[in-house]
Amino acid sequence: MPEAAPRFAGQTAIVTGGGAGIGFAVARAFAREGANVAIAGRRKATLVHSAALIEEMGGEVLVVPADVAIAADCARIVASAVERFGAADILVNNAAHFALVPLLDADAEVAARFLSVNVAGPLLCARAFAAEAIASGRRGRIVNVGSIAGARPAPGCGLYSASKAALEMLTRSMALEWGPAGIRVNAVAPGHVATEGVLADFQAGRLDEAKLLASIPARRIADVDDIADAVLFLCSDAARHVLGQSLTVDGGEGF
């Protein structure tokens, strides 16, 4: 039997925060499945390094240095991908700001950073993507990377949790407004993921690894590829009738 074609052959995926962690895993997974990939992020050196790793697999990669907290950068991310590859089929809003901030220390500037990166950024990137897709008569898929923190409070996470809760509602609203135009919008909600930041927290004792793992029914935190696989599922034809949903990927951590 002939080999099946890669799931995303000939398509273009845009991944914000695509230089490291979950974003890099998502971009790499799309490239493995035949997609052209545009990765955006604030650190050009990180993006260039990650792009080289993806290109070693034979993928076509566009690097777009950008900050999703800046409205003009959000529009430029989408425009750059369309200019390079001719179209944009998929947007993964992965870029995010995280910090532990007690609410008594949450002044206007601190709050604005959470909201501009975690809420306004995904909105403006998605808006630019949807406008391009609708204008060109193309269908599209958007996946917003949320968090189980959006459904439960934790000390120091008030602003982060609030921003991710807002992103979940934005996901549903985007799906409602853009679904009739052929744009499917969903989200993933990871628990703790084995990124460099989380592993550093384990090593420094800021997170009690044994206690955390004991609280998770799967007895492990997610690997970045666990999240990437969920994102690709939501962007695939296998999820063609899934709209406005948030897929929790946490091994039961949020129970």
C-alpha atoms as a PDB file:
ATOM      1  CA  MET A   1       0.000   0.000   0.000  1.00  0.00           C
ATOM      2  CA  PRO A   2       1.237   3.539  -0.743  1.00  0.00           C
ATOM      3  CA  GLU A   3       2.155   5.644   2.255  1.00  0.00           C
ATOM      4  CA  ALA A   4      -0.494   8.095   3.392  1.00  0.00           C
ATOM      5  CA  ALA A   5       0.286  11.740   2.697  1.00  0.00           C
ATOM      6  CA  PRO A   6       1.278  13.828   5.720  1.00  0.00           C
ATOM      7  CA  ARG A   7      -1.819  15.255   7.419  1.00  0.00           C
ATOM      8  CA  PHE A   8      -0.890  18.886   6.815  1.00  0.00           C
ATOM      9  CA  ALA A   9       0.990  18.674   3.520  1.00  0.00           C
ATOM     10  CA  GLY A  10       0.846  21.971   1.637  1.00  0.00           C
ATOM     11  CA  GLN A  11      -0.674  23.862   4.550  1.00  0.00           C
ATOM     12  CA  THR A  12       0.823  26.723   6.546  1.00  0.00           C
ATOM     13  CA  ALA A  13       0.765  26.877  10.349  1.00  0.00           C
ATOM     14  CA  ILE A  14       1.586  29.983  12.383  1.00  0.00           C
ATOM     15  CA  VAL A  15       2.770  29.363  15.955  1.00  0.00           C
ATOM     16  CA  THR A  16       3.310  32.253  18.359  1.00  0.00           C
ATOM     17  CA  GLY A  17       5.838  31.621  21.093  1.00  0.00           C
ATOM     18  CA  GLY A  18       7.204  29.048  18.655  1.00  0.00           C
ATOM     19  CA  GLY A  19      10.859  29.226  19.608  1.00  0.00           C
ATOM     20  CA  ALA A  20      10.806  27.084  22.746  1.00  0.00           C
ATOM     21  CA  GLY A  21       8.760  24.811  24.977  1.00  0.00           C
ATOM     22  CA  ILE A  22       5.252  23.943  23.863  1.00  0.00           C
ATOM     23  CA  GLY A  23       5.399  26.289  20.884  1.00  0.00           C
ATOM     24  CA  PHE A  24       8.533  24.687  19.468  1.00  0.00           C
ATOM     25  CA  ALA A  25       7.053  21.204  19.947  1.00  0.00           C
ATOM     26  CA  VAL A  26       3.904  22.283  18.098  1.00  0.00           C
ATOM     27  CA  ALA A  27       5.860  23.849  15.229  1.00  0.00           C
ATOM     28  CA  ARG A  28       8.087  20.776  14.950  1.00  0.00           C
ATOM     29  CA  ALA A  29       5.060  18.479  14.908  1.00  0.00           C
ATOM     30  CA  PHE A  30       3.401  20.447  12.113  1.00  0.00           C
ATOM     31  CA  ALA A  31       6.612  20.357  10.083  1.00  0.00           C
ATOM     32  CA  ARG A  32       6.821  16.581  10.534  1.00  0.00           C
ATOM     33  CA  GLU A  33       3.312  16.355   9.142  1.00  0.00           C
ATOM     34  CA  GLY A  34       4.219  18.304   6.024  1.00  0.00           C
ATOM     35  CA  ALA A  35       3.214  21.867   6.908  1.00  0.00           C
ATOM     36  CA  ASN A  36       5.094  25.058   6.248  1.00  0.00           C
ATOM     37  CA  VAL A  37       5.640  26.770   9.592  1.00  0.00           C
ATOM     38  CA  ALA A  38       5.937  30.391  10.692  1.00  0.00           C
ATOM     39  CA  ILE A  39       7.250  30.787  14.239  1.00  0.00           C
ATOM     40  CA  ALA A  40       6.936  34.083  16.078  1.00  0.00           C
ATOM     41  CA  GLY A  41       8.480  35.243  19.323  1.00  0.00           C
ATOM     42  CA  ARG A  42      10.390  38.038  21.026  1.00  0.00           C
ATOM     43  CA  ARG A  43      13.853  36.431  20.972  1.00  0.00           C
ATOM     44  CA  LYS A  44      15.217  36.266  17.446  1.00  0.00           C
ATOM     45  CA  ALA A  45      18.232  34.126  18.389  1.00  0.00           C
ATOM     46  CA  THR A  46      15.956  31.484  19.929  1.00  0.00           C
ATOM     47  CA  LEU A  47      13.704  31.499  16.875  1.00  0.00           C
ATOM     48  CA  VAL A  48      16.638  31.136  14.481  1.00  0.00           C
ATOM     49  CA  HIS A  49      18.065  28.214  16.468  1.00  0.00           C
ATOM     50  CA  SER A  50      14.686  26.455  16.586  1.00  0.00           C
ATOM     51  CA  ALA A  51      14.056  27.091  12.898  1.00  0.00           C
ATOM     52  CA  ALA A  52      17.370  25.430  12.045  1.00  0.00           C
ATOM     53  CA  LEU A  53      16.372  22.314  13.998  1.00  0.00           C
ATOM     54  CA  ILE A  54      13.057  22.127  12.148  1.00  0.00           C
ATOM     55  CA  GLU A  55      14.703  22.716   8.773  1.00  0.00           C
ATOM     56  CA  GLU A  56      16.995  19.747   9.430  1.00  0.00           C
ATOM     57  CA  MET A  57      13.837  17.634   9.151  1.00  0.00           C
ATOM     58  CA  GLY A  58      13.129  19.156   5.748  1.00  0.00           C
ATOM     59  CA  GLY A  59      10.512  21.663   6.907  1.00  0.00           C
ATOM     60  CA  GLU A  60      10.058  25.147   5.482  1.00  0.00           C
ATOM     61  CA  VAL A  61      10.246  27.679   8.335  1.00  0.00           C
ATOM     62  CA  LEU A  62       9.716  31.428   8.536  1.00  0.00           C
ATOM     63  CA  VAL A  63      11.074  33.324  11.545  1.00  0.00           C
ATOM     64  CA  VAL A  64       9.051  36.366  12.644  1.00  0.00           C
ATOM     65  CA  PRO A  65      10.505  38.313  15.584  1.00  0.00           C
ATOM     66  CA  ALA A  66       7.455  39.865  17.258  1.00  0.00           C
ATOM     67  CA  ASP A  67       5.733  40.672  20.540  1.00  0.00           C
ATOM     68  CA  VAL A  68       2.035  39.783  20.590  1.00  0.00           C
ATOM     69  CA  ALA A  69       1.501  42.552  23.158  1.00  0.00           C
ATOM     70  CA  ILE A  70       2.023  44.974  20.256  1.00  0.00           C
ATOM     71  CA  ALA A  71      -1.005  45.213  17.968  1.00  0.00           C
ATOM     72  CA  ALA A  72       1.026  45.967  14.844  1.00  0.00           C
ATOM     73  CA  ASP A  73       3.185  42.891  15.469  1.00  0.00           C
ATOM     74  CA  CYS A  74       0.118  40.648  15.569  1.00  0.00           C
ATOM     75  CA  ALA A  75      -0.957  41.829  12.118  1.00  0.00           C
ATOM     76  CA  ARG A  76       2.626  41.522  10.837  1.00  0.00           C
ATOM     77  CA  ILE A  77       2.920  37.898  11.970  1.00  0.00           C
ATOM     78  CA  VAL A  78      -0.029  36.852   9.811  1.00  0.00           C
ATOM     79  CA  ALA A  79       0.910  39.093   6.883  1.00  0.00           C
ATOM     80  CA  SER A  80       4.476  37.749   6.853  1.00  0.00           C
ATOM     81  CA  ALA A  81       3.290  34.145   6.735  1.00  0.00           C
ATOM     82  CA  VAL A  82       0.882  34.890   3.900  1.00  0.00           C
ATOM     83  CA  GLU A  83       3.566  36.771   1.967  1.00  0.00           C
ATOM     84  CA  ARG A  84       6.083  33.932   2.341  1.00  0.00           C
ATOM     85  CA  PHE A  85       3.816  30.923   1.831  1.00  0.00           C
ATOM     86  CA  GLY A  86       0.864  32.363  -0.085  1.00  0.00           C
ATOM     87  CA  ALA A  87      -1.741  31.607   2.577  1.00  0.00           C
ATOM     88  CA  ALA A  88      -2.230  30.803   6.261  1.00  0.00           C
ATOM     89  CA  ASP A  89      -4.330  27.786   7.229  1.00  0.00           C
ATOM     90  CA  ILE A  90      -3.672  27.367  10.952  1.00  0.00           C
ATOM     91  CA  LEU A  91      -2.932  29.702  13.860  1.00  0.00           C
ATOM     92  CA  VAL A  92      -1.750  28.461  17.250  1.00  0.00           C
ATOM     93  CA  ASN A  93      -1.860  31.213  19.872  1.00  0.00           C
ATOM     94  CA  ASN A  94       0.754  29.862  22.253  1.00  0.00           C
ATOM     95  CA  ALA A  95       2.721  32.947  23.357  1.00  0.00           C
ATOM     96  CA  ALA A  96       2.003  33.719  27.009  1.00  0.00           C
ATOM     97  CA  HIS A  97       3.186  35.659  30.024  1.00  0.00           C
ATOM     98  CA  PHE A  98       3.502  33.854  33.362  1.00  0.00           C
ATOM     99  CA  ALA A  99       4.673  35.110  36.732  1.00  0.00           C
ATOM    100  CA  LEU A 100       3.681  34.494  40.327  1.00  0.00           C
ATOM    101  CA  VAL A 101       2.231  37.789  41.550  1.00  0.00           C
ATOM    102  CA  PRO A 102       0.243  38.099  44.797  1.00  0.00           C
ATOM    103  CA  LEU A 103      -2.819  40.228  44.101  1.00  0.00           C
ATOM    104  CA  LEU A 104      -1.702  42.854  46.609  1.00  0.00           C
ATOM    105  CA  ASP A 105       1.316  43.419  44.340  1.00  0.00           C
ATOM    106  CA  ALA A 106      -0.724  43.456  41.146  1.00  0.00           C
ATOM    107  CA  ASP A 107      -0.523  47.079  40.077  1.00  0.00           C
ATOM    108  CA  ALA A 108      -1.864  48.451  36.786  1.00  0.00           C
ATOM    109  CA  GLU A 109       1.362  47.863  34.872  1.00  0.00           C
ATOM    110  CA  VAL A 110       1.666  44.246  35.993  1.00  0.00           C
ATOM    111  CA  ALA A 111      -1.990  43.544  35.204  1.00  0.00           C
ATOM    112  CA  ALA A 112      -1.678  45.173  31.795  1.00  0.00           C
ATOM    113  CA  ARG A 113       1.181  42.850  30.820  1.00  0.00           C
ATOM    114  CA  PHE A 114      -0.850  39.721  31.610  1.00  0.00           C
ATOM    115  CA  LEU A 115      -3.858  40.999  29.708  1.00  0.00           C
ATOM    116  CA  SER A 116      -1.951  42.346  26.724  1.00  0.00           C
ATOM    117  CA  VAL A 117      -0.001  39.118  26.137  1.00  0.00           C
ATOM    118  CA  ASN A 118      -2.486  36.461  27.255  1.00  0.00           C
ATOM    119  CA  VAL A 119      -5.754  38.007  26.085  1.00  0.00           C
ATOM    120  CA  ALA A 120      -5.280  40.900  23.658  1.00  0.00           C
ATOM    121  CA  GLY A 121      -2.412  39.163  21.829  1.00  0.00           C
ATOM    122  CA  PRO A 122      -4.383  36.029  20.943  1.00  0.00           C
ATOM    123  CA  LEU A 123      -7.391  38.177  20.040  1.00  0.00           C
ATOM    124  CA  LEU A 124      -5.437  40.414  17.674  1.00  0.00           C
ATOM    125  CA  CYS A 125      -3.512  37.556  16.059  1.00  0.00           C
ATOM    126  CA  ALA A 126      -6.749  35.627  15.581  1.00  0.00           C
ATOM    127  CA  ARG A 127      -8.514  38.704  14.249  1.00  0.00           C
ATOM    128  CA  ALA A 128      -5.800  39.245  11.620  1.00  0.00           C
ATOM    129  CA  PHE A 129      -5.842  35.542  10.716  1.00  0.00           C
ATOM    130  CA  ALA A 130      -9.643  35.384  10.466  1.00  0.00           C
ATOM    131  CA  ALA A 131      -9.837  38.561   8.388  1.00  0.00           C
ATOM    132  CA  GLU A 132      -7.290  37.142   5.924  1.00  0.00           C
ATOM    133  CA  ALA A 133      -9.064  33.786   5.714  1.00  0.00           C
ATOM    134  CA  ILE A 134     -12.487  35.330   5.188  1.00  0.00           C
ATOM    135  CA  ALA A 135     -11.198  37.810   2.595  1.00  0.00           C
ATOM    136  CA  SER A 136      -9.525  35.023   0.616  1.00  0.00           C
ATOM    137  CA  GLY A 137     -12.445  32.609   0.963  1.00  0.00           C
ATOM    138  CA  ARG A 138     -10.343  30.023   2.811  1.00  0.00           C
ATOM    139  CA  ARG A 139     -11.238  27.855   5.752  1.00  0.00           C
ATOM    140  CA  GLY A 140      -8.992  28.051   8.791  1.00  0.00           C
ATOM    141  CA  ARG A 141      -8.286  26.587  12.186  1.00  0.00           C
ATOM    142  CA  ILE A 142      -7.255  28.381  15.363  1.00  0.00           C
ATOM    143  CA  VAL A 143      -6.078  26.754  18.588  1.00  0.00           C
ATOM    144  CA  ASN A 144      -5.569  28.905  21.679  1.00  0.00           C
ATOM    145  CA  VAL A 145      -3.251  27.498  24.334  1.00  0.00           C
ATOM    146  CA  GLY A 146      -4.954  28.043  27.669  1.00  0.00           C
ATOM    147  CA  SER A 147      -4.336  26.369  31.014  1.00  0.00           C
ATOM    148  CA  ILE A 148      -6.139  24.423  33.706  1.00  0.00           C
ATOM    149  CA  ALA A 149      -5.297  27.500  35.804  1.00  0.00           C
ATOM    150  CA  GLY A 150      -8.136  29.240  33.968  1.00  0.00           C
ATOM    151  CA  ALA A 151     -10.621  27.076  35.844  1.00  0.00           C
ATOM    152  CA  ARG A 152      -9.139  27.131  39.336  1.00  0.00           C
ATOM    153  CA  PRO A 153      -7.394  29.697  41.548  1.00  0.00           C
ATOM    154  CA  ALA A 154      -3.964  29.217  43.091  1.00  0.00           C
ATOM    155  CA  PRO A 155      -1.867  31.501  45.321  1.00  0.00           C
ATOM    156  CA  GLY A 156       0.051  34.005  43.225  1.00  0.00           C
ATOM    157  CA  CYS A 157      -1.714  32.966  40.028  1.00  0.00           C
ATOM    158  CA  GLY A 158      -4.674  35.341  40.197  1.00  0.00           C
ATOM    159  CA  LEU A 159      -3.762  37.402  37.137  1.00  0.00           C
ATOM    160  CA  TYR A 160      -2.541  34.412  35.135  1.00  0.00           C
ATOM    161  CA  SER A 161      -5.660  32.405  35.949  1.00  0.00           C
ATOM    162  CA  ALA A 162      -7.929  35.337  35.115  1.00  0.00           C
ATOM    163  CA  SER A 163      -6.210  35.853  31.765  1.00  0.00           C
ATOM    164  CA  LYS A 164      -6.531  32.182  30.837  1.00  0.00           C
ATOM    165  CA  ALA A 165     -10.192  32.144  31.880  1.00  0.00           C
ATOM    166  CA  ALA A 166     -10.722  35.128  29.589  1.00  0.00           C
ATOM    167  CA  LEU A 167      -8.946  33.297  26.780  1.00  0.00           C
ATOM    168  CA  GLU A 168     -11.290  30.334  27.146  1.00  0.00           C
ATOM    169  CA  MET A 169     -14.319  32.601  26.762  1.00  0.00           C
ATOM    170  CA  LEU A 170     -12.663  34.320  23.803  1.00  0.00           C
ATOM    171  CA  THR A 171     -12.213  30.879  22.230  1.00  0.00           C
ATOM    172  CA  ARG A 172     -15.918  30.186  22.488  1.00  0.00           C
ATOM    173  CA  SER A 173     -16.808  33.648  21.209  1.00  0.00           C
ATOM    174  CA  MET A 174     -14.443  33.327  18.244  1.00  0.00           C
ATOM    175  CA  ALA A 175     -15.968  29.956  17.412  1.00  0.00           C
ATOM    176  CA  LEU A 176     -19.469  31.404  17.557  1.00  0.00           C
ATOM    177  CA  GLU A 177     -18.696  34.414  15.363  1.00  0.00           C
ATOM    178  CA  TRP A 178     -16.289  32.850  12.861  1.00  0.00           C
ATOM    179  CA  GLY A 179     -17.542  29.274  12.672  1.00  0.00           C
ATOM    180  CA  PRO A 180     -20.141  30.136  10.001  1.00  0.00           C
ATOM    181  CA  ALA A 181     -17.282  31.462   7.829  1.00  0.00           C
ATOM    182  CA  GLY A 182     -15.480  28.113   8.018  1.00  0.00           C
ATOM    183  CA  ILE A 183     -13.007  28.941  10.771  1.00  0.00           C
ATOM    184  CA  ARG A 184     -12.829  26.343  13.532  1.00  0.00           C
ATOM    185  CA  VAL A 185     -11.622  27.684  16.866  1.00  0.00           C
ATOM    186  CA  ASN A 186     -10.746  25.514  19.863  1.00  0.00           C
ATOM    187  CA  ALA A 187      -8.311  25.517  22.778  1.00  0.00           C
ATOM    188  CA  VAL A 188      -6.076  23.191  24.732  1.00  0.00           C
ATOM    189  CA  ALA A 189      -5.721  23.518  28.501  1.00  0.00           C
ATOM    190  CA  PRO A 190      -2.487  21.945  29.756  1.00  0.00           C
ATOM    191  CA  GLY A 191      -1.587  21.303  33.355  1.00  0.00           C
ATOM    192  CA  HIS A 192       2.090  21.363  34.348  1.00  0.00           C
ATOM    193  CA  VAL A 193       4.318  20.620  31.358  1.00  0.00           C
ATOM    194  CA  ALA A 194       7.971  19.555  31.314  1.00  0.00           C
ATOM    195  CA  THR A 195       9.296  22.818  29.920  1.00  0.00           C
ATOM    196  CA  GLU A 196      12.622  24.364  30.912  1.00  0.00           C
ATOM    197  CA  GLY A 197      10.858  26.667  33.362  1.00  0.00           C
ATOM    198  CA  VAL A 198       8.990  23.919  35.197  1.00  0.00           C
ATOM    199  CA  LEU A 199      12.048  21.655  35.337  1.00  0.00           C
ATOM    200  CA  ALA A 200      14.067  24.555  36.757  1.00  0.00           C
ATOM    201  CA  ASP A 201      11.383  25.079  39.402  1.00  0.00           C
ATOM    202  CA  PHE A 202      11.704  21.404  40.388  1.00  0.00           C
ATOM    203  CA  GLN A 203      15.480  21.672  40.687  1.00  0.00           C
ATOM    204  CA  ALA A 204      15.329  24.908  42.698  1.00  0.00           C
ATOM    205  CA  GLY A 205      12.660  23.587  45.035  1.00  0.00           C
ATOM    206  CA  ARG A 206      10.083  26.168  44.009  1.00  0.00           C
ATOM    207  CA  LEU A 207       7.853  23.238  43.056  1.00  0.00           C
ATOM    208  CA  ASP A 208       7.696  20.038  45.110  1.00  0.00           C
ATOM    209  CA  GLU A 209       8.030  17.441  42.350  1.00  0.00           C
ATOM    210  CA  ALA A 210       7.136  14.407  44.463  1.00  0.00           C
ATOM    211  CA  LYS A 211       4.052  16.090  45.910  1.00  0.00           C
ATOM    212  CA  LEU A 212       2.898  17.286  42.507  1.00  0.00           C
ATOM    213  CA  LEU A 213       3.322  13.901  40.821  1.00  0.00           C
ATOM    214  CA  ALA A 214       1.509  12.168  43.679  1.00  0.00           C
ATOM    215  CA  SER A 215      -1.480  14.438  43.063  1.00  0.00           C
ATOM    216  CA  ILE A 216      -1.730  13.542  39.360  1.00  0.00           C
ATOM    217  CA  PRO A 217      -3.534  10.282  38.518  1.00  0.00           C
ATOM    218  CA  ALA A 218      -1.215   9.692  35.539  1.00  0.00           C
ATOM    219  CA  ARG A 219       1.749  10.105  37.941  1.00  0.00           C
ATOM    220  CA  ARG A 220       3.629  12.356  35.528  1.00  0.00           C
ATOM    221  CA  ILE A 221       3.397  15.843  34.140  1.00  0.00           C
ATOM    222  CA  ALA A 222       2.840  16.347  30.432  1.00  0.00           C
ATOM    223  CA  ASP A 223       5.604  16.215  27.887  1.00  0.00           C
ATOM    224  CA  VAL A 224       5.553  19.028  25.329  1.00  0.00           C
ATOM    225  CA  ASP A 225       4.653  16.455  22.667  1.00  0.00           C
ATOM    226  CA  ASP A 226       1.508  15.546  24.617  1.00  0.00           C
ATOM    227  CA  ILE A 227       0.307  19.106  24.057  1.00  0.00           C
ATOM    228  CA  ALA A 228       1.505  19.204  20.450  1.00  0.00           C
ATOM    229  CA  ASP A 229      -0.428  16.028  19.654  1.00  0.00           C
ATOM    230  CA  ALA A 230      -3.606  17.562  21.073  1.00  0.00           C
ATOM    231  CA  VAL A 231      -3.127  20.733  19.025  1.00  0.00           C
ATOM    232  CA  LEU A 232      -2.611  18.765  15.813  1.00  0.00           C
ATOM    233  CA  PHE A 233      -5.702  16.691  16.549  1.00  0.00           C
ATOM    234  CA  LEU A 234      -7.826  19.822  16.900  1.00  0.00           C
ATOM    235  CA  CYS A 235      -6.433  21.148  13.606  1.00  0.00           C
ATOM    236  CA  SER A 236      -6.978  17.877  11.749  1.00  0.00           C
ATOM    237  CA  ASP A 237      -9.979  16.538   9.863  1.00  0.00           C
ATOM    238  CA  ALA A 238     -10.503  14.105  12.750  1.00  0.00           C
ATOM    239  CA  ALA A 239     -11.808  17.119  14.736  1.00  0.00           C
ATOM    240  CA  ARG A 240     -13.812  18.571  11.851  1.00  0.00           C
ATOM    241  CA  HIS A 241     -16.981  18.902  13.944  1.00  0.00           C
ATOM    242  CA  VAL A 242     -15.284  20.110  17.140  1.00  0.00           C
ATOM    243  CA  LEU A 243     -15.890  23.811  17.679  1.00  0.00           C
ATOM    244  CA  GLY A 244     -15.453  26.143  20.641  1.00  0.00           C
ATOM    245  CA  GLN A 245     -14.105  23.459  22.960  1.00  0.00           C
ATOM    246  CA  SER A 246     -11.204  23.424  25.415  1.00  0.00           C
ATOM    247  CA  LEU A 247      -9.367  20.094  25.481  1.00  0.00           C
ATOM    248  CA  THR A 248      -7.750  19.492  28.879  1.00  0.00           C
ATOM    249  CA  VAL A 249      -4.381  17.735  28.664  1.00  0.00           C
ATOM    250  CA  ASP A 250      -3.200  17.262  32.245  1.00  0.00           C
ATOM    251  CA  GLY A 251      -3.169  13.564  33.170  1.00  0.00           C
ATOM    252  CA  GLY A 252      -6.002  14.253  35.611  1.00  0.00           C
ATOM    253  CA  GLU A 253      -4.166  17.010  37.484  1.00  0.00           C
ATOM    254  CA  GLY A 254      -7.198  19.267  37.463  1.00  0.00           C
ATOM    255  CA  PHE A 255      -9.562  16.767  39.113  1.00  0.00           C
END
